[in-house]
Amino acid sequence: MKNSNHDIKKTKPGITIVDQLLEMDERTLAELLIRCKKTKFLKPPKGKTEEERTENYKKIEEEFNQEVDKILQTYKKHGLVKELMEWATGWIYDDIYDYVQDEYGLLKRAAGFYKIKPRKTETFLDLERVIFEHWMQYLIEKLRKELEKHPDKFDEIAKSLDEHLTSEEKEQLLKVLKDKGLVSKEISNLQGRALLETILTAGSGTGVLLGLGSAGFGVYIALTKTIHLIFTQLLGITLPFAVYTTATKTLSLLLGPLGWIIFSILMVIPFIQHARKKKTALLATVFVPTIYLAYIEKQLQKGEGA
């Protein structure tokens, strides 16, 4: 047990992480808890054909959902939030709001993974956004390197982007790419291969994907969907079309088996042996990005920040 007597005003709290977790549904919290506390990472589904790999992925997904159900039989929402904050901070409190005093510390630790130095004027939400954008830049760069090993997949992936990204999402991506100087201002439409190549180019430039919030929260959703669409094609599996048709599915993609497999291949986390370093990496690449993405989705559902 830890005494709640130290200063939390190293940055302006604003909306707290505990507040954001309490806004999330219980199933999402259970999925996040599994992702953070499980040390064993899922492996890509095996199979010689797309049908076999897809079928094996369904089995992985079924096992994952069974584990989530077990968690939900044990904990209600406050219990899930308490377990998550206990894991994230390393402390045990009776009241979940006592964890607020440690939120700056865990955000600073996650920021350190990307060599970010928090500013005193930032709210917790500001710092989450910066961490989220660095995570996205980091992930797309890793994905670009992985895609270089499979140039034969480019056309399939380009077709998938055309089919699954909505017109609005493509427009949001195009606006950001124009603002970042990666696409000519005169171009009114960017499709298929050109869109894919430009996004991957954006991921390779230092800081190119930072400051995206000015384009609206929708661009974060569009980029997250793009990452999963690319990776689904690289894995050679088929997911139902409905998976990509609503923004509310995006968080499930990040937390579910596919997101776990993505991290097992693209991230360094599975190979980190030191427990403290592994937790820091998980805070920076799973815990904080998930919380911020959940916040984004909530705002879009309210019709804000679109």
Protein backbone atom coordinates (compact mmCIF):
# COMPACT_ATOMS: atom_id res chain seq x y z
CA MET A 1 0.00 0.00 0.00
CA LYS A 2 1.23 3.49 -0.83
CA ASN A 3 0.46 6.79 0.88
CA SER A 4 -1.40 9.34 -1.26
CA ASN A 5 0.63 12.37 -0.22
CA HIS A 6 2.90 13.43 -3.07
CA ASP A 7 2.54 16.22 -5.65
CA ILE A 8 0.70 15.41 -8.89
CA LYS A 9 0.89 18.93 -10.36
CA LYS A 10 3.96 18.28 -12.49
CA THR A 11 1.60 18.70 -15.43
CA LYS A 12 -2.06 19.74 -15.66
CA PRO A 13 -4.19 16.60 -15.19
CA GLY A 14 -7.39 17.63 -17.01
CA ILE A 15 -9.15 14.38 -17.93
CA THR A 16 -7.44 11.58 -16.02
CA ILE A 17 -6.57 8.07 -17.19
CA VAL A 18 -8.90 6.64 -14.54
CA ASP A 19 -11.74 8.77 -15.98
CA GLN A 20 -10.98 7.48 -19.45
CA LEU A 21 -10.84 3.86 -18.34
CA LEU A 22 -14.20 4.20 -16.61
CA GLU A 23 -15.66 5.43 -19.92
CA MET A 24 -14.59 2.21 -21.65
CA ASP A 25 -16.85 -0.85 -21.75
CA GLU A 26 -15.98 -3.89 -19.64
CA ARG A 27 -15.03 -6.14 -22.56
CA THR A 28 -12.52 -3.61 -23.88
CA LEU A 29 -11.03 -3.26 -20.40
CA ALA A 30 -10.72 -7.05 -20.12
CA GLU A 31 -9.00 -7.23 -23.53
CA LEU A 32 -6.59 -4.48 -22.50
CA LEU A 33 -5.85 -6.26 -19.21
CA ILE A 34 -4.97 -9.46 -21.06
CA ARG A 35 -2.76 -7.60 -23.54
CA CYS A 36 -0.86 -5.87 -20.74
CA LYS A 37 -0.45 -8.76 -18.29
CA LYS A 38 0.05 -11.71 -20.65
CA THR A 39 3.73 -12.26 -21.37
CA LYS A 40 3.10 -14.86 -24.09
CA PHE A 41 2.52 -13.26 -27.51
CA LEU A 42 0.28 -14.83 -30.11
CA LYS A 43 1.94 -16.26 -33.23
CA PRO A 44 0.71 -15.80 -36.82
CA PRO A 45 -1.82 -18.44 -37.95
CA LYS A 46 -0.25 -21.28 -39.93
CA GLY A 47 -1.52 -22.76 -43.19
CA LYS A 48 -0.53 -23.26 -46.81
CA THR A 49 -3.61 -21.50 -48.20
CA GLU A 50 -5.50 -18.34 -47.30
CA GLU A 51 -8.48 -20.47 -46.27
CA GLU A 52 -6.38 -22.54 -43.86
CA ARG A 53 -4.74 -19.47 -42.33
CA THR A 54 -8.11 -17.74 -41.96
CA GLU A 55 -9.62 -20.83 -40.32
CA ASN A 56 -6.69 -21.10 -37.89
CA TYR A 57 -7.00 -17.38 -37.11
CA LYS A 58 -10.67 -17.94 -36.21
CA LYS A 59 -9.56 -20.61 -33.70
CA ILE A 60 -7.04 -18.16 -32.17
CA GLU A 61 -9.80 -15.55 -31.96
CA GLU A 62 -12.17 -18.03 -30.29
CA GLU A 63 -9.58 -18.96 -27.65
CA PHE A 64 -8.85 -15.28 -27.03
CA ASN A 65 -12.57 -14.52 -26.56
CA GLN A 66 -12.90 -17.40 -24.11
CA GLU A 67 -10.11 -15.91 -22.04
CA VAL A 68 -11.82 -12.51 -22.11
CA ASP A 69 -15.05 -14.16 -20.92
CA LYS A 70 -13.20 -15.69 -17.95
CA ILE A 71 -11.89 -12.26 -16.95
CA LEU A 72 -15.40 -10.79 -17.17
CA GLN A 73 -16.73 -13.52 -14.86
CA THR A 74 -14.20 -12.42 -12.24
CA TYR A 75 -14.26 -8.61 -12.46
CA LYS A 76 -16.76 -5.80 -12.88
CA LYS A 77 -15.75 -2.43 -14.32
CA HIS A 78 -14.17 -0.89 -11.19
CA GLY A 79 -12.26 -4.11 -10.55
CA LEU A 80 -10.91 -4.11 -14.11
CA VAL A 81 -9.83 -0.47 -13.83
CA LYS A 82 -8.15 -1.17 -10.51
CA GLU A 83 -6.27 -4.18 -11.95
CA LEU A 84 -5.10 -2.12 -14.94
CA MET A 85 -3.92 0.80 -12.83
CA GLU A 86 -2.24 -1.51 -10.36
CA TRP A 87 -0.33 -3.09 -13.27
CA ALA A 88 0.49 0.24 -14.88
CA THR A 89 1.72 2.02 -11.73
CA GLY A 90 3.04 -0.90 -9.68
CA TRP A 91 1.06 0.27 -6.64
CA ILE A 92 -2.00 -1.00 -4.78
CA TYR A 93 -4.69 1.40 -3.53
CA ASP A 94 -8.18 0.84 -2.12
CA ASP A 95 -9.72 3.72 -4.10
CA ILE A 96 -9.12 3.78 -7.87
CA TYR A 97 -8.91 7.60 -7.85
CA ASP A 98 -5.83 7.38 -5.64
CA TYR A 99 -4.02 6.17 -8.77
CA VAL A 100 -4.41 9.62 -10.36
CA GLN A 101 -1.37 10.83 -8.41
CA ASP A 102 0.77 8.30 -10.31
CA GLU A 103 -0.62 8.94 -13.80
CA TYR A 104 1.94 11.58 -14.70
CA GLY A 105 4.70 9.15 -13.79
CA LEU A 106 3.38 6.36 -16.01
CA LEU A 107 2.79 8.80 -18.90
CA LYS A 108 6.31 10.18 -18.51
CA ARG A 109 7.65 6.63 -18.53
CA ALA A 110 5.70 5.79 -21.72
CA ALA A 111 6.89 9.04 -23.32
CA GLY A 112 10.48 8.12 -22.52
CA PHE A 113 10.17 5.06 -24.77
CA TYR A 114 9.96 7.50 -27.72
CA LYS A 115 12.43 9.94 -26.13
CA ILE A 116 9.65 12.49 -25.58
CA LYS A 117 10.15 15.14 -22.88
CA PRO A 118 6.78 16.25 -21.42
CA ARG A 119 6.07 19.97 -21.17
CA LYS A 120 4.66 21.44 -17.95
CA THR A 121 1.83 23.12 -19.89
CA GLU A 122 0.54 19.79 -21.22
CA THR A 123 -2.54 18.08 -19.82
CA PHE A 124 -2.54 14.31 -19.44
CA LEU A 125 -4.62 14.15 -22.63
CA ASP A 126 -2.07 16.27 -24.53
CA LEU A 127 0.70 13.90 -23.51
CA GLU A 128 -1.40 10.86 -24.46
CA ARG A 129 -1.93 12.35 -27.93
CA VAL A 130 1.79 12.92 -28.46
CA ILE A 131 2.58 9.36 -27.32
CA PHE A 132 -0.17 8.02 -29.62
CA GLU A 133 1.22 9.86 -32.64
CA HIS A 134 4.76 8.64 -31.95
CA TRP A 135 3.36 5.11 -31.61
CA MET A 136 1.67 5.42 -34.99
CA GLN A 137 4.83 6.75 -36.62
CA TYR A 138 6.85 3.94 -35.02
CA LEU A 139 4.38 1.27 -36.13
CA ILE A 140 4.12 2.44 -39.75
CA GLU A 141 7.91 2.59 -40.03
CA LYS A 142 8.13 -1.01 -38.78
CA LEU A 143 5.35 -2.02 -41.17
CA ARG A 144 7.12 -0.33 -44.10
CA LYS A 145 10.24 -2.41 -43.46
CA GLU A 146 8.15 -5.58 -43.22
CA LEU A 147 6.37 -4.73 -46.49
CA GLU A 148 9.71 -4.32 -48.27
CA LYS A 149 10.15 -8.08 -47.81
CA HIS A 150 6.87 -8.72 -49.68
CA PRO A 151 6.71 -6.38 -52.73
CA ASP A 152 4.40 -8.90 -54.44
CA LYS A 153 1.68 -7.97 -51.91
CA PHE A 154 1.48 -4.31 -52.90
CA ASP A 155 -1.35 -4.63 -55.43
CA GLU A 156 -3.49 -6.79 -53.09
CA ILE A 157 -3.01 -4.32 -50.25
CA ALA A 158 -3.80 -1.34 -52.49
CA LYS A 159 -7.03 -3.04 -53.58
CA SER A 160 -7.93 -3.75 -49.94
CA LEU A 161 -7.45 -0.09 -49.01
CA ASP A 162 -9.71 0.97 -51.87
CA GLU A 163 -12.41 -1.48 -50.78
CA HIS A 164 -12.38 -0.93 -47.02
CA LEU A 165 -11.51 2.72 -46.44
CA THR A 166 -14.50 5.03 -46.77
CA SER A 167 -14.45 8.11 -49.03
CA GLU A 168 -14.36 10.30 -45.91
CA GLU A 169 -11.36 8.42 -44.50
CA LYS A 170 -9.49 8.72 -47.79
CA GLU A 171 -10.22 12.46 -47.85
CA GLN A 172 -8.91 12.83 -44.29
CA LEU A 173 -5.72 10.97 -45.15
CA LEU A 174 -5.26 13.04 -48.31
CA LYS A 175 -5.70 16.29 -46.35
CA VAL A 176 -3.03 15.27 -43.84
CA LEU A 177 -0.63 14.17 -46.57
CA LYS A 178 -1.14 17.51 -48.34
CA ASP A 179 -0.59 19.45 -45.09
CA LYS A 180 2.65 17.52 -44.55
CA GLY A 181 3.83 18.34 -48.07
CA LEU A 182 3.82 14.71 -49.22
CA VAL A 183 1.14 15.22 -51.86
CA SER A 184 0.60 18.09 -54.28
CA LYS A 185 -2.16 20.53 -53.27
CA GLU A 186 -3.66 20.09 -56.74
CA ILE A 187 -4.40 16.38 -56.28
CA SER A 188 -8.07 15.83 -55.41
CA ASN A 189 -8.07 12.05 -55.18
CA LEU A 190 -5.53 9.47 -54.03
CA GLN A 191 -6.30 5.80 -54.52
CA GLY A 192 -4.76 2.34 -54.28
CA ARG A 193 -1.06 1.99 -54.74
CA ALA A 194 -0.36 5.75 -54.66
CA LEU A 195 -2.16 6.06 -51.31
CA LEU A 196 -0.28 3.10 -49.86
CA GLU A 197 3.14 4.31 -51.02
CA THR A 198 2.50 7.84 -49.71
CA ILE A 199 1.39 6.60 -46.28
CA LEU A 200 4.46 4.40 -45.99
CA THR A 201 6.63 7.35 -47.02
CA ALA A 202 4.98 9.41 -44.27
CA GLY A 203 5.89 6.71 -41.77
CA SER A 204 9.55 6.86 -42.71
CA GLY A 205 9.95 10.60 -42.13
CA THR A 206 10.90 11.81 -38.66
CA GLY A 207 7.92 13.59 -37.13
CA VAL A 208 5.83 13.49 -40.31
CA LEU A 209 2.84 11.93 -38.56
CA LEU A 210 2.99 14.24 -35.55
CA GLY A 211 0.37 16.94 -35.06
CA LEU A 212 -2.36 15.05 -36.91
CA GLY A 213 -5.07 16.14 -34.48
CA SER A 214 -5.56 19.37 -36.43
CA ALA A 215 -7.16 17.28 -39.19
CA GLY A 216 -9.72 15.82 -36.77
CA PHE A 217 -9.85 12.59 -34.79
CA GLY A 218 -11.12 10.69 -37.82
CA VAL A 219 -7.66 10.61 -39.37
CA TYR A 220 -6.38 8.56 -36.43
CA ILE A 221 -9.12 5.99 -37.06
CA ALA A 222 -8.34 5.93 -40.78
CA LEU A 223 -4.62 5.34 -40.16
CA THR A 224 -5.27 2.62 -37.57
CA LYS A 225 -7.59 0.84 -40.02
CA THR A 226 -4.98 1.23 -42.76
CA ILE A 227 -2.31 -0.42 -40.58
CA HIS A 228 -4.58 -3.41 -39.91
CA LEU A 229 -5.65 -3.72 -43.54
CA ILE A 230 -2.02 -3.83 -44.66
CA PHE A 231 -1.11 -6.38 -42.04
CA THR A 232 -4.12 -8.61 -42.76
CA GLN A 233 -2.91 -8.90 -46.35
CA LEU A 234 0.66 -9.60 -45.22
CA LEU A 235 -0.61 -12.43 -43.01
CA GLY A 236 -2.66 -13.82 -45.88
CA ILE A 237 -5.96 -14.04 -44.00
CA THR A 238 -9.48 -12.80 -44.74
CA LEU A 239 -11.51 -10.90 -42.16
CA PRO A 240 -15.25 -10.17 -42.55
CA PHE A 241 -15.95 -6.91 -44.38
CA ALA A 242 -18.00 -5.68 -41.39
CA VAL A 243 -14.83 -5.56 -39.27
CA TYR A 244 -13.78 -2.37 -41.06
CA THR A 245 -17.11 -0.65 -41.60
CA THR A 246 -17.41 1.32 -38.32
CA ALA A 247 -15.03 3.36 -36.21
CA THR A 248 -16.08 1.46 -33.09
CA LYS A 249 -14.44 -1.69 -34.51
CA THR A 250 -11.01 -0.06 -34.63
CA LEU A 251 -10.29 -0.51 -30.93
CA SER A 252 -11.18 -4.19 -31.18
CA LEU A 253 -8.67 -4.54 -34.00
CA LEU A 254 -5.93 -3.08 -31.82
CA LEU A 255 -6.73 -5.18 -28.74
CA GLY A 256 -7.85 -8.42 -30.34
CA PRO A 257 -5.76 -11.33 -31.65
CA LEU A 258 -4.82 -9.56 -34.91
CA GLY A 259 -3.41 -6.58 -33.02
CA TRP A 260 -1.53 -8.96 -30.73
CA ILE A 261 -0.02 -10.81 -33.71
CA ILE A 262 0.98 -7.50 -35.32
CA PHE A 263 2.89 -6.56 -32.20
CA SER A 264 4.53 -9.96 -31.96
CA ILE A 265 6.01 -9.50 -35.43
CA LEU A 266 6.64 -5.77 -35.71
CA MET A 267 7.54 -4.76 -32.16
CA VAL A 268 10.59 -5.55 -30.07
CA ILE A 269 8.50 -6.37 -26.98
CA PRO A 270 8.47 -10.19 -27.29
CA PHE A 271 12.28 -10.16 -27.28
CA ILE A 272 12.72 -7.89 -24.26
CA GLN A 273 13.87 -9.98 -21.30
CA HIS A 274 14.14 -7.24 -18.65
CA ALA A 275 10.74 -6.96 -16.89
CA ARG A 276 10.89 -3.19 -16.31
CA LYS A 277 11.87 -2.47 -19.93
CA LYS A 278 9.08 -4.74 -21.18
CA LYS A 279 6.50 -2.91 -19.06
CA THR A 280 7.74 0.45 -20.34
CA ALA A 281 7.36 -0.80 -23.91
CA LEU A 282 3.85 -2.10 -23.17
CA LEU A 283 2.84 1.22 -21.58
CA ALA A 284 4.07 3.07 -24.69
CA THR A 285 2.75 0.73 -27.38
CA VAL A 286 -0.39 -0.84 -25.88
CA PHE A 287 -1.69 0.84 -22.70
CA VAL A 288 -1.53 4.55 -23.59
CA PRO A 289 -2.37 4.19 -27.33
CA THR A 290 -5.43 2.08 -26.45
CA ILE A 291 -6.69 4.58 -23.89
CA TYR A 292 -6.26 7.48 -26.31
CA LEU A 293 -7.88 5.61 -29.20
CA ALA A 294 -10.83 4.78 -26.92
CA TYR A 295 -11.11 8.49 -26.10
CA ILE A 296 -11.06 9.35 -29.83
CA GLU A 297 -13.79 6.85 -30.61
CA LYS A 298 -15.92 8.22 -27.77
CA GLN A 299 -15.57 11.76 -29.13
CA LEU A 300 -16.49 10.63 -32.64
CA GLN A 301 -19.56 8.87 -31.30
CA LYS A 302 -20.56 12.17 -29.68
CA GLY A 303 -19.97 13.93 -32.98
CA GLU A 304 -16.96 15.86 -31.68
CA GLY A 305 -13.51 16.19 -33.21
CA ALA A 306 -14.59 14.64 -36.52
